């Protein structure tokens, strides 16, 4: 997360650009906070924030960075109600420091959009995503990586709400810009495949996902969590297209990478393992 320098108390804070949560496979979207014990990563993020808050206070850059990391971690582990609460705390802190229209507020708005979407509040999530994107694009310009990332997420939100034309238009308008940033280009191809699946079915999306994975392999990105997620997405497309063996092969590779990158307790890894296990059991029953 790139903080724009101002004369406020937060001037000079340096925030890491964290993994975009929406890239995690989402086989389910319900809030996990009520029926899953807190993962160690969530506990560690909560402890770090609590310690910094007690030591430095709410407005210190280190505290705010820790709160941002906590909210992102909660979203990543699908603890969406908790993520929403932390996102609102973060938004208030940014608005108090910078003003309600400042582009830095785009970051907590993005967190809130993801948290609300995870709770099934898609219309409310879209409002936050649009507002965050507009503020970042107005400040950085549409070709900057920050608004480009949000434009892609916004396209996904449009598509999931049935606004396919808006989704396609936004994605097409930014695809050439994203091509200059290889990791982001890969994410855009993923989203293009998602839109094709939505409109034309799995068979139309498969070649795009295969090209995407080839691109990532050529750039040495084939042992990353993003690659595991994309490979899992391709496996689901193979299955939907009726090719269970290809689905099993792709999910097996995805599972090995996810184990090393996400860890065994992460929801993304668990989704892949469940998918792979069901296919292996189907093969043992002689279904393919």
C-alpha atoms as a PDB file:
ATOM      1  CA  UNK A   1       0.000   0.000   0.000  1.00  0.00           C
ATOM      2  CA  UNK A   2       1.547   3.272  -1.080  1.00  0.00           C
ATOM      3  CA  UNK A   3       0.693   6.093   1.285  1.00  0.00           C
ATOM      4  CA  UNK A   4       0.638   9.561  -0.245  1.00  0.00           C
ATOM      5  CA  UNK A   5       2.769  11.948   1.782  1.00  0.00           C
ATOM      6  CA  UNK A   6       1.031  14.877   3.426  1.00  0.00           C
ATOM      7  CA  UNK A   7       1.699  17.125   6.392  1.00  0.00           C
ATOM      8  CA  UNK A   8      -0.484  15.002   8.660  1.00  0.00           C
ATOM      9  CA  UNK A   9       0.670  13.003  11.647  1.00  0.00           C
ATOM     10  CA  UNK A  10       0.953   9.954   9.384  1.00  0.00           C
ATOM     11  CA  UNK A  11       3.444  11.628   7.047  1.00  0.00           C
ATOM     12  CA  UNK A  12       6.283   9.320   6.051  1.00  0.00           C
ATOM     13  CA  UNK A  13       4.563   6.035   6.799  1.00  0.00           C
ATOM     14  CA  UNK A  14       5.647   3.228   4.521  1.00  0.00           C
ATOM     15  CA  UNK A  15       3.135   0.445   3.944  1.00  0.00           C
ATOM     16  CA  UNK A  16       3.837  -2.843   2.245  1.00  0.00           C
ATOM     17  CA  UNK A  17       1.705  -3.823  -0.730  1.00  0.00           C
ATOM     18  CA  UNK A  18      -0.064  -6.913   0.548  1.00  0.00           C
ATOM     19  CA  UNK A  19      -1.553  -9.791  -1.383  1.00  0.00           C
ATOM     20  CA  UNK A  20      -4.911  -9.004  -2.917  1.00  0.00           C
ATOM     21  CA  UNK A  21      -7.407 -11.101  -1.070  1.00  0.00           C
ATOM     22  CA  UNK A  22      -9.740 -11.494  -4.001  1.00  0.00           C
ATOM     23  CA  UNK A  23      -7.142 -13.661  -5.733  1.00  0.00           C
ATOM     24  CA  UNK A  24      -7.581 -16.390  -3.110  1.00  0.00           C
ATOM     25  CA  UNK A  25      -9.778 -19.254  -4.372  1.00  0.00           C
ATOM     26  CA  UNK A  26     -13.268 -18.827  -2.965  1.00  0.00           C
ATOM     27  CA  UNK A  27     -15.101 -22.134  -3.022  1.00  0.00           C
ATOM     28  CA  UNK A  28     -17.267 -20.747  -0.258  1.00  0.00           C
ATOM     29  CA  UNK A  29     -17.897 -17.200   0.905  1.00  0.00           C
ATOM     30  CA  UNK A  30     -19.521 -17.503   4.302  1.00  0.00           C
ATOM     31  CA  UNK A  31     -17.932 -15.837   7.298  1.00  0.00           C
ATOM     32  CA  UNK A  32     -15.637 -18.325   9.023  1.00  0.00           C
ATOM     33  CA  UNK A  33     -15.351 -16.502  12.340  1.00  0.00           C
ATOM     34  CA  UNK A  34     -18.217 -18.324  14.048  1.00  0.00           C
ATOM     35  CA  UNK A  35     -17.255 -21.904  13.342  1.00  0.00           C
ATOM     36  CA  UNK A  36     -13.500 -22.024  12.810  1.00  0.00           C
ATOM     37  CA  UNK A  37     -10.910 -21.583  15.548  1.00  0.00           C
ATOM     38  CA  UNK A  38      -8.678 -18.566  15.045  1.00  0.00           C
ATOM     39  CA  UNK A  39      -5.651 -19.476  12.931  1.00  0.00           C
ATOM     40  CA  UNK A  40      -2.231 -18.694  14.354  1.00  0.00           C
ATOM     41  CA  UNK A  41      -1.741 -15.995  11.710  1.00  0.00           C
ATOM     42  CA  UNK A  42      -4.854 -14.146  12.884  1.00  0.00           C
ATOM     43  CA  UNK A  43      -3.837 -14.393  16.528  1.00  0.00           C
ATOM     44  CA  UNK A  44      -0.354 -13.104  15.677  1.00  0.00           C
ATOM     45  CA  UNK A  45      -1.770 -10.149  13.727  1.00  0.00           C
ATOM     46  CA  UNK A  46      -4.162  -9.267  16.559  1.00  0.00           C
ATOM     47  CA  UNK A  47      -1.375  -9.467  19.138  1.00  0.00           C
ATOM     48  CA  UNK A  48       0.962  -7.312  17.051  1.00  0.00           C
ATOM     49  CA  UNK A  49      -1.708  -4.636  16.625  1.00  0.00           C
ATOM     50  CA  UNK A  50      -2.678  -4.677  20.305  1.00  0.00           C
ATOM     51  CA  UNK A  51       0.944  -4.301  21.392  1.00  0.00           C
ATOM     52  CA  UNK A  52       1.633  -1.411  19.008  1.00  0.00           C
ATOM     53  CA  UNK A  53      -1.608   0.316  19.945  1.00  0.00           C
ATOM     54  CA  UNK A  54      -0.702   0.186  23.629  1.00  0.00           C
ATOM     55  CA  UNK A  55       2.850   1.386  22.971  1.00  0.00           C
ATOM     56  CA  UNK A  56       2.390   4.109  20.351  1.00  0.00           C
ATOM     57  CA  UNK A  57      -1.292   5.017  20.199  1.00  0.00           C
ATOM     58  CA  UNK A  58      -3.851   4.855  17.416  1.00  0.00           C
ATOM     59  CA  UNK A  59      -2.374   7.538  15.126  1.00  0.00           C
ATOM     60  CA  UNK A  60       1.188   6.216  14.946  1.00  0.00           C
ATOM     61  CA  UNK A  61       2.195   4.933  11.480  1.00  0.00           C
ATOM     62  CA  UNK A  62       3.386   1.612  12.899  1.00  0.00           C
ATOM     63  CA  UNK A  63       0.042   1.064  14.608  1.00  0.00           C
ATOM     64  CA  UNK A  64      -1.891   1.917  11.461  1.00  0.00           C
ATOM     65  CA  UNK A  65       0.246  -0.371   9.339  1.00  0.00           C
ATOM     66  CA  UNK A  66      -0.407  -3.161  11.828  1.00  0.00           C
ATOM     67  CA  UNK A  67      -4.174  -2.496  11.752  1.00  0.00           C
ATOM     68  CA  UNK A  68      -4.099  -2.623   7.954  1.00  0.00           C
ATOM     69  CA  UNK A  69      -2.239  -5.954   8.087  1.00  0.00           C
ATOM     70  CA  UNK A  70      -4.752  -7.302  10.615  1.00  0.00           C
ATOM     71  CA  UNK A  71      -7.731  -6.361   8.452  1.00  0.00           C
ATOM     72  CA  UNK A  72      -6.115  -7.962   5.407  1.00  0.00           C
ATOM     73  CA  UNK A  73      -5.346 -11.116   7.375  1.00  0.00           C
ATOM     74  CA  UNK A  74      -8.940 -11.351   8.598  1.00  0.00           C
ATOM     75  CA  UNK A  75     -10.202 -11.062   5.032  1.00  0.00           C
ATOM     76  CA  UNK A  76      -7.703 -13.665   3.835  1.00  0.00           C
ATOM     77  CA  UNK A  77      -8.975 -16.115   6.458  1.00  0.00           C
ATOM     78  CA  UNK A  78     -12.606 -15.251   5.637  1.00  0.00           C
ATOM     79  CA  UNK A  79     -13.374 -13.747   9.009  1.00  0.00           C
ATOM     80  CA  UNK A  80     -15.385 -11.112   7.221  1.00  0.00           C
ATOM     81  CA  UNK A  81     -17.388  -9.590  10.073  1.00  0.00           C
ATOM     82  CA  UNK A  82     -14.207  -8.968  12.041  1.00  0.00           C
ATOM     83  CA  UNK A  83     -12.507  -7.627   8.912  1.00  0.00           C
ATOM     84  CA  UNK A  84     -15.371  -5.193   8.392  1.00  0.00           C
ATOM     85  CA  UNK A  85     -15.009  -3.890  11.951  1.00  0.00           C
ATOM     86  CA  UNK A  86     -11.258  -3.380  11.550  1.00  0.00           C
ATOM     87  CA  UNK A  87     -11.758  -1.864   8.116  1.00  0.00           C
ATOM     88  CA  UNK A  88     -14.140   0.729   9.527  1.00  0.00           C
ATOM     89  CA  UNK A  89     -11.626   1.562  12.264  1.00  0.00           C
ATOM     90  CA  UNK A  90      -8.960   2.019   9.625  1.00  0.00           C
ATOM     91  CA  UNK A  91     -11.217   4.170   7.433  1.00  0.00           C
ATOM     92  CA  UNK A  92     -12.026   6.479  10.364  1.00  0.00           C
ATOM     93  CA  UNK A  93      -8.338   6.818  11.202  1.00  0.00           C
ATOM     94  CA  UNK A  94      -7.505   7.741   7.606  1.00  0.00           C
ATOM     95  CA  UNK A  95     -10.411  10.161   7.277  1.00  0.00           C
ATOM     96  CA  UNK A  96      -9.467  11.867  10.542  1.00  0.00           C
ATOM     97  CA  UNK A  97      -5.854  12.182   9.410  1.00  0.00           C
ATOM     98  CA  UNK A  98      -6.284  13.091   5.740  1.00  0.00           C
ATOM     99  CA  UNK A  99      -9.896  14.114   5.207  1.00  0.00           C
ATOM    100  CA  UNK A 100     -12.770  12.043   3.803  1.00  0.00           C
ATOM    101  CA  UNK A 101     -11.923  12.637   0.123  1.00  0.00           C
ATOM    102  CA  UNK A 102      -8.198  11.872   0.308  1.00  0.00           C
ATOM    103  CA  UNK A 103      -6.988   9.041  -1.992  1.00  0.00           C
ATOM    104  CA  UNK A 104      -5.363   7.241   0.943  1.00  0.00           C
ATOM    105  CA  UNK A 105      -8.881   6.330   2.059  1.00  0.00           C
ATOM    106  CA  UNK A 106      -9.048   4.090  -1.013  1.00  0.00           C
ATOM    107  CA  UNK A 107      -7.153   1.376   0.859  1.00  0.00           C
ATOM    108  CA  UNK A 108      -9.589   0.881   3.784  1.00  0.00           C
ATOM    109  CA  UNK A 109     -12.492   1.277   1.342  1.00  0.00           C
ATOM    110  CA  UNK A 110     -11.058  -1.676  -0.563  1.00  0.00           C
ATOM    111  CA  UNK A 111     -10.809  -3.729   2.629  1.00  0.00           C
ATOM    112  CA  UNK A 112     -14.419  -2.914   3.473  1.00  0.00           C
ATOM    113  CA  UNK A 113     -15.570  -3.893  -0.007  1.00  0.00           C
ATOM    114  CA  UNK A 114     -13.940  -7.317   0.331  1.00  0.00           C
ATOM    115  CA  UNK A 115     -15.338  -7.841   3.841  1.00  0.00           C
ATOM    116  CA  UNK A 116     -18.883  -6.879   2.840  1.00  0.00           C
ATOM    117  CA  UNK A 117     -18.748  -8.989  -0.310  1.00  0.00           C
ATOM    118  CA  UNK A 118     -17.694 -11.965   1.801  1.00  0.00           C
ATOM    119  CA  UNK A 119     -20.826 -11.491   3.905  1.00  0.00           C
ATOM    120  CA  UNK A 120     -23.047 -11.473   0.830  1.00  0.00           C
ATOM    121  CA  UNK A 121     -23.603  -7.699   0.913  1.00  0.00           C
ATOM    122  CA  UNK A 122     -22.589  -7.282  -2.708  1.00  0.00           C
ATOM    123  CA  UNK A 123     -24.443  -4.039  -3.454  1.00  0.00           C
ATOM    124  CA  UNK A 124     -22.878  -2.285  -0.452  1.00  0.00           C
ATOM    125  CA  UNK A 125     -19.478  -3.717  -1.330  1.00  0.00           C
ATOM    126  CA  UNK A 126     -19.737  -2.337  -4.862  1.00  0.00           C
ATOM    127  CA  UNK A 127     -20.281   1.201  -3.567  1.00  0.00           C
ATOM    128  CA  UNK A 128     -17.090   1.047  -1.504  1.00  0.00           C
ATOM    129  CA  UNK A 129     -15.090  -0.518  -4.331  1.00  0.00           C
ATOM    130  CA  UNK A 130     -16.204   2.127  -6.819  1.00  0.00           C
ATOM    131  CA  UNK A 131     -15.425   4.959  -4.429  1.00  0.00           C
ATOM    132  CA  UNK A 132     -11.993   3.589  -3.548  1.00  0.00           C
ATOM    133  CA  UNK A 133     -11.125   3.085  -7.204  1.00  0.00           C
ATOM    134  CA  UNK A 134     -12.230   6.598  -8.132  1.00  0.00           C
ATOM    135  CA  UNK A 135     -10.120   8.211  -5.434  1.00  0.00           C
ATOM    136  CA  UNK A 136      -6.995   6.269  -6.369  1.00  0.00           C
ATOM    137  CA  UNK A 137      -7.480   6.772 -10.120  1.00  0.00           C
ATOM    138  CA  UNK A 138      -8.085  10.493  -9.712  1.00  0.00           C
ATOM    139  CA  UNK A 139      -4.848  10.913  -7.771  1.00  0.00           C
ATOM    140  CA  UNK A 140      -2.440   8.464  -9.418  1.00  0.00           C
ATOM    141  CA  UNK A 141      -3.946   8.362 -12.898  1.00  0.00           C
ATOM    142  CA  UNK A 142      -5.574   5.264 -14.430  1.00  0.00           C
ATOM    143  CA  UNK A 143      -2.266   3.697 -15.583  1.00  0.00           C
ATOM    144  CA  UNK A 144      -0.804   3.409 -12.072  1.00  0.00           C
ATOM    145  CA  UNK A 145      -0.640  -0.030 -10.472  1.00  0.00           C
ATOM    146  CA  UNK A 146      -2.800   0.977  -7.486  1.00  0.00           C
ATOM    147  CA  UNK A 147      -5.953   1.911  -9.453  1.00  0.00           C
ATOM    148  CA  UNK A 148      -5.262  -0.873 -11.966  1.00  0.00           C
ATOM    149  CA  UNK A 149      -5.481  -3.428  -9.169  1.00  0.00           C
ATOM    150  CA  UNK A 150      -8.774  -1.977  -7.973  1.00  0.00           C
ATOM    151  CA  UNK A 151     -10.195  -1.743 -11.500  1.00  0.00           C
ATOM    152  CA  UNK A 152      -9.767  -5.492 -11.882  1.00  0.00           C
ATOM    153  CA  UNK A 153     -11.522  -6.211  -8.586  1.00  0.00           C
ATOM    154  CA  UNK A 154     -14.274  -3.811  -9.569  1.00  0.00           C
ATOM    155  CA  UNK A 155     -14.739  -5.662 -12.861  1.00  0.00           C
ATOM    156  CA  UNK A 156     -15.200  -8.905 -10.914  1.00  0.00           C
ATOM    157  CA  UNK A 157     -17.773  -7.246  -8.668  1.00  0.00           C
ATOM    158  CA  UNK A 158     -19.682  -5.949 -11.694  1.00  0.00           C
ATOM    159  CA  UNK A 159     -19.727  -9.392 -13.284  1.00  0.00           C
ATOM    160  CA  UNK A 160     -20.934 -11.113 -10.134  1.00  0.00           C
ATOM    161  CA  UNK A 161     -23.811  -8.646  -9.940  1.00  0.00           C
ATOM    162  CA  UNK A 162     -24.756  -9.398 -13.545  1.00  0.00           C
ATOM    163  CA  UNK A 163     -23.302  -6.168 -14.939  1.00  0.00           C
ATOM    164  CA  UNK A 164     -21.242  -8.031 -17.524  1.00  0.00           C
ATOM    165  CA  UNK A 165     -21.037  -5.182 -20.035  1.00  0.00           C
ATOM    166  CA  UNK A 166     -19.646  -2.819 -17.398  1.00  0.00           C
ATOM    167  CA  UNK A 167     -17.180  -5.486 -16.280  1.00  0.00           C
ATOM    168  CA  UNK A 168     -15.940  -6.187 -19.790  1.00  0.00           C
ATOM    169  CA  UNK A 169     -15.644  -2.485 -20.629  1.00  0.00           C
ATOM    170  CA  UNK A 170     -13.602  -1.729 -17.508  1.00  0.00           C
ATOM    171  CA  UNK A 171     -11.322  -4.715 -18.017  1.00  0.00           C
ATOM    172  CA  UNK A 172     -10.741  -4.012 -21.717  1.00  0.00           C
ATOM    173  CA  UNK A 173      -9.970  -0.354 -20.993  1.00  0.00           C
ATOM    174  CA  UNK A 174      -7.173  -1.316 -18.609  1.00  0.00           C
ATOM    175  CA  UNK A 175      -5.768  -4.554 -20.045  1.00  0.00           C
ATOM    176  CA  UNK A 176      -3.114  -2.857 -22.221  1.00  0.00           C
ATOM    177  CA  UNK A 177      -1.911  -0.856 -19.202  1.00  0.00           C
ATOM    178  CA  UNK A 178      -1.718  -3.988 -17.072  1.00  0.00           C
ATOM    179  CA  UNK A 179       0.412  -5.765 -19.693  1.00  0.00           C
ATOM    180  CA  UNK A 180       3.346  -3.561 -18.658  1.00  0.00           C
ATOM    181  CA  UNK A 181       3.301  -5.077 -15.144  1.00  0.00           C
ATOM    182  CA  UNK A 182       3.708  -8.892 -15.516  1.00  0.00           C
ATOM    183  CA  UNK A 183       2.175  -9.986 -12.174  1.00  0.00           C
ATOM    184  CA  UNK A 184      -0.762  -7.646 -12.695  1.00  0.00           C
ATOM    185  CA  UNK A 185      -1.118  -8.759 -16.314  1.00  0.00           C
ATOM    186  CA  UNK A 186      -1.505 -12.312 -15.032  1.00  0.00           C
ATOM    187  CA  UNK A 187      -4.281 -11.192 -12.691  1.00  0.00           C
ATOM    188  CA  UNK A 188      -6.046  -9.444 -15.566  1.00  0.00           C
ATOM    189  CA  UNK A 189      -5.904 -12.595 -17.677  1.00  0.00           C
ATOM    190  CA  UNK A 190      -7.410 -14.482 -14.744  1.00  0.00           C
ATOM    191  CA  UNK A 191     -10.264 -12.003 -14.628  1.00  0.00           C
ATOM    192  CA  UNK A 192     -10.701 -12.182 -18.408  1.00  0.00           C
ATOM    193  CA  UNK A 193     -11.093 -15.953 -18.068  1.00  0.00           C
ATOM    194  CA  UNK A 194     -13.626 -15.432 -15.291  1.00  0.00           C
ATOM    195  CA  UNK A 195     -15.699 -13.153 -17.526  1.00  0.00           C
ATOM    196  CA  UNK A 196     -15.517 -15.613 -20.416  1.00  0.00           C
ATOM    197  CA  UNK A 197     -16.695 -18.402 -18.143  1.00  0.00           C
ATOM    198  CA  UNK A 198     -19.582 -16.213 -17.001  1.00  0.00           C
ATOM    199  CA  UNK A 199     -20.722 -15.389 -20.531  1.00  0.00           C
ATOM    200  CA  UNK A 200     -19.539 -18.271 -22.749  1.00  0.00           C
ATOM    201  CA  UNK A 201     -18.810 -21.210 -20.455  1.00  0.00           C
ATOM    202  CA  UNK A 202     -15.742 -23.077 -19.217  1.00  0.00           C
ATOM    203  CA  UNK A 203     -14.526 -24.156 -22.649  1.00  0.00           C
ATOM    204  CA  UNK A 204     -14.064 -20.520 -23.703  1.00  0.00           C
ATOM    205  CA  UNK A 205     -12.175 -19.650 -20.535  1.00  0.00           C
ATOM    206  CA  UNK A 206      -9.746 -22.598 -20.534  1.00  0.00           C
ATOM    207  CA  UNK A 207      -7.369 -21.311 -23.282  1.00  0.00           C
ATOM    208  CA  UNK A 208      -7.013 -17.966 -21.502  1.00  0.00           C
ATOM    209  CA  UNK A 209      -6.157 -19.662 -18.204  1.00  0.00           C
ATOM    210  CA  UNK A 210      -3.690 -21.958 -19.943  1.00  0.00           C
ATOM    211  CA  UNK A 211      -2.005 -18.922 -21.530  1.00  0.00           C
ATOM    212  CA  UNK A 212      -1.929 -17.235 -18.148  1.00  0.00           C
ATOM    213  CA  UNK A 213      -0.188 -20.165 -16.486  1.00  0.00           C
ATOM    214  CA  UNK A 214       2.296 -20.319 -19.354  1.00  0.00           C
ATOM    215  CA  UNK A 215       3.036 -16.628 -18.843  1.00  0.00           C
ATOM    216  CA  UNK A 216       3.604 -17.130 -15.124  1.00  0.00           C
ATOM    217  CA  UNK A 217       5.886 -20.109 -15.713  1.00  0.00           C
ATOM    218  CA  UNK A 218       7.949 -18.083 -18.197  1.00  0.00           C
ATOM    219  CA  UNK A 219       8.457 -15.368 -15.574  1.00  0.00           C
ATOM    220  CA  UNK A 220       9.453 -17.815 -12.832  1.00  0.00           C
ATOM    221  CA  UNK A 221       6.207 -17.330 -10.908  1.00  0.00           C
ATOM    222  CA  UNK A 222       5.211 -20.995 -10.845  1.00  0.00           C
ATOM    223  CA  UNK A 223       5.948 -21.553  -7.151  1.00  0.00           C
ATOM    224  CA  UNK A 224       3.820 -18.723  -5.784  1.00  0.00           C
ATOM    225  CA  UNK A 225       0.475 -18.670  -4.015  1.00  0.00           C
ATOM    226  CA  UNK A 226      -1.004 -16.800  -6.975  1.00  0.00           C
ATOM    227  CA  UNK A 227       0.093 -19.535  -9.353  1.00  0.00           C
ATOM    228  CA  UNK A 228      -1.470 -22.172  -7.089  1.00  0.00           C
ATOM    229  CA  UNK A 229      -4.737 -20.204  -7.095  1.00  0.00           C
ATOM    230  CA  UNK A 230      -4.717 -19.853 -10.874  1.00  0.00           C
ATOM    231  CA  UNK A 231      -3.938 -23.534 -11.333  1.00  0.00           C
ATOM    232  CA  UNK A 232      -6.825 -24.413  -9.043  1.00  0.00           C
ATOM    233  CA  UNK A 233      -9.104 -22.127 -11.066  1.00  0.00           C
ATOM    234  CA  UNK A 234      -8.015 -23.954 -14.227  1.00  0.00           C
ATOM    235  CA  UNK A 235      -8.751 -27.281 -12.530  1.00  0.00           C
ATOM    236  CA  UNK A 236     -12.313 -26.159 -11.793  1.00  0.00           C
ATOM    237  CA  UNK A 237     -12.722 -25.158 -15.443  1.00  0.00           C
ATOM    238  CA  UNK A 238     -11.474 -28.558 -16.607  1.00  0.00           C
ATOM    239  CA  UNK A 239     -13.974 -30.232 -14.310  1.00  0.00           C
ATOM    240  CA  UNK A 240     -16.840 -28.062 -15.537  1.00  0.00           C
ATOM    241  CA  UNK A 241     -15.837 -28.901 -19.113  1.00  0.00           C
ATOM    242  CA  UNK A 242     -15.979 -32.619 -18.253  1.00  0.00           C
ATOM    243  CA  UNK A 243     -12.247 -33.450 -18.195  1.00  0.00           C
ATOM    244  CA  UNK A 244     -11.816 -34.935 -14.724  1.00  0.00           C
ATOM    245  CA  UNK A 245      -8.285 -36.250 -15.328  1.00  0.00           C
ATOM    246  CA  UNK A 246      -6.952 -32.838 -16.308  1.00  0.00           C
ATOM    247  CA  UNK A 247      -8.786 -31.374 -13.322  1.00  0.00           C
ATOM    248  CA  UNK A 248      -7.083 -33.886 -11.025  1.00  0.00           C
ATOM    249  CA  UNK A 249      -3.643 -33.274 -12.523  1.00  0.00           C
ATOM    250  CA  UNK A 250      -3.944 -29.494 -12.218  1.00  0.00           C
ATOM    251  CA  UNK A 251      -5.321 -29.600  -8.682  1.00  0.00           C
ATOM    252  CA  UNK A 252      -2.573 -31.999  -7.587  1.00  0.00           C
ATOM    253  CA  UNK A 253       0.127 -29.566  -8.695  1.00  0.00           C
ATOM    254  CA  UNK A 254      -1.818 -26.674  -7.175  1.00  0.00           C
ATOM    255  CA  UNK A 255      -2.077 -28.531  -3.866  1.00  0.00           C
ATOM    256  CA  UNK A 256       1.677 -29.070  -3.593  1.00  0.00           C
ATOM    257  CA  UNK A 257       2.383 -25.402  -4.237  1.00  0.00           C
ATOM    258  CA  UNK A 258      -0.397 -24.234  -1.904  1.00  0.00           C
ATOM    259  CA  UNK A 259       0.990 -26.363   0.912  1.00  0.00           C
ATOM    260  CA  UNK A 260       4.311 -24.541   0.658  1.00  0.00           C
ATOM    261  CA  UNK A 261       2.969 -21.031   0.073  1.00  0.00           C
ATOM    262  CA  UNK A 262      -0.347 -20.741   1.901  1.00  0.00           C
ATOM    263  CA  UNK A 263       0.293 -23.409   4.519  1.00  0.00           C
ATOM    264  CA  UNK A 264      -2.038 -26.310   5.359  1.00  0.00           C
ATOM    265  CA  UNK A 265      -4.429 -24.277   7.533  1.00  0.00           C
ATOM    266  CA  UNK A 266      -5.211 -21.530   5.036  1.00  0.00           C
ATOM    267  CA  UNK A 267      -8.727 -21.641   3.552  1.00  0.00           C
ATOM    268  CA  UNK A 268      -7.306 -21.441   0.017  1.00  0.00           C
ATOM    269  CA  UNK A 269      -5.163 -24.528   0.559  1.00  0.00           C
ATOM    270  CA  UNK A 270      -8.046 -26.380   2.192  1.00  0.00           C
ATOM    271  CA  UNK A 271     -10.300 -25.641  -0.794  1.00  0.00           C
ATOM    272  CA  UNK A 272      -7.719 -27.139  -3.144  1.00  0.00           C
ATOM    273  CA  UNK A 273      -7.175 -30.216  -0.961  1.00  0.00           C
ATOM    274  CA  UNK A 274     -10.927 -30.843  -0.721  1.00  0.00           C
ATOM    275  CA  UNK A 275     -11.354 -30.508  -4.482  1.00  0.00           C
ATOM    276  CA  UNK A 276      -8.419 -32.835  -5.132  1.00  0.00           C
ATOM    277  CA  UNK A 277      -9.617 -35.414  -2.599  1.00  0.00           C
ATOM    278  CA  UNK A 278     -13.091 -35.589  -4.146  1.00  0.00           C
ATOM    279  CA  UNK A 279     -11.567 -36.185  -7.571  1.00  0.00           C
ATOM    280  CA  UNK A 280      -9.220 -38.894  -6.287  1.00  0.00           C
ATOM    281  CA  UNK A 281     -12.137 -40.663  -4.616  1.00  0.00           C
ATOM    282  CA  UNK A 282     -14.152 -40.433  -7.834  1.00  0.00           C
ATOM    283  CA  UNK A 283     -11.273 -42.009  -9.748  1.00  0.00           C
ATOM    284  CA  UNK A 284     -10.990 -44.809  -7.198  1.00  0.00           C
ATOM    285  CA  UNK A 285     -14.684 -45.521  -7.758  1.00  0.00           C
ATOM    286  CA  UNK A 286     -13.953 -45.892 -11.455  1.00  0.00           C
ATOM    287  CA  UNK A 287     -15.827 -42.777 -12.540  1.00  0.00           C
ATOM    288  CA  UNK A 288     -12.973 -41.798 -14.858  1.00  0.00           C
END
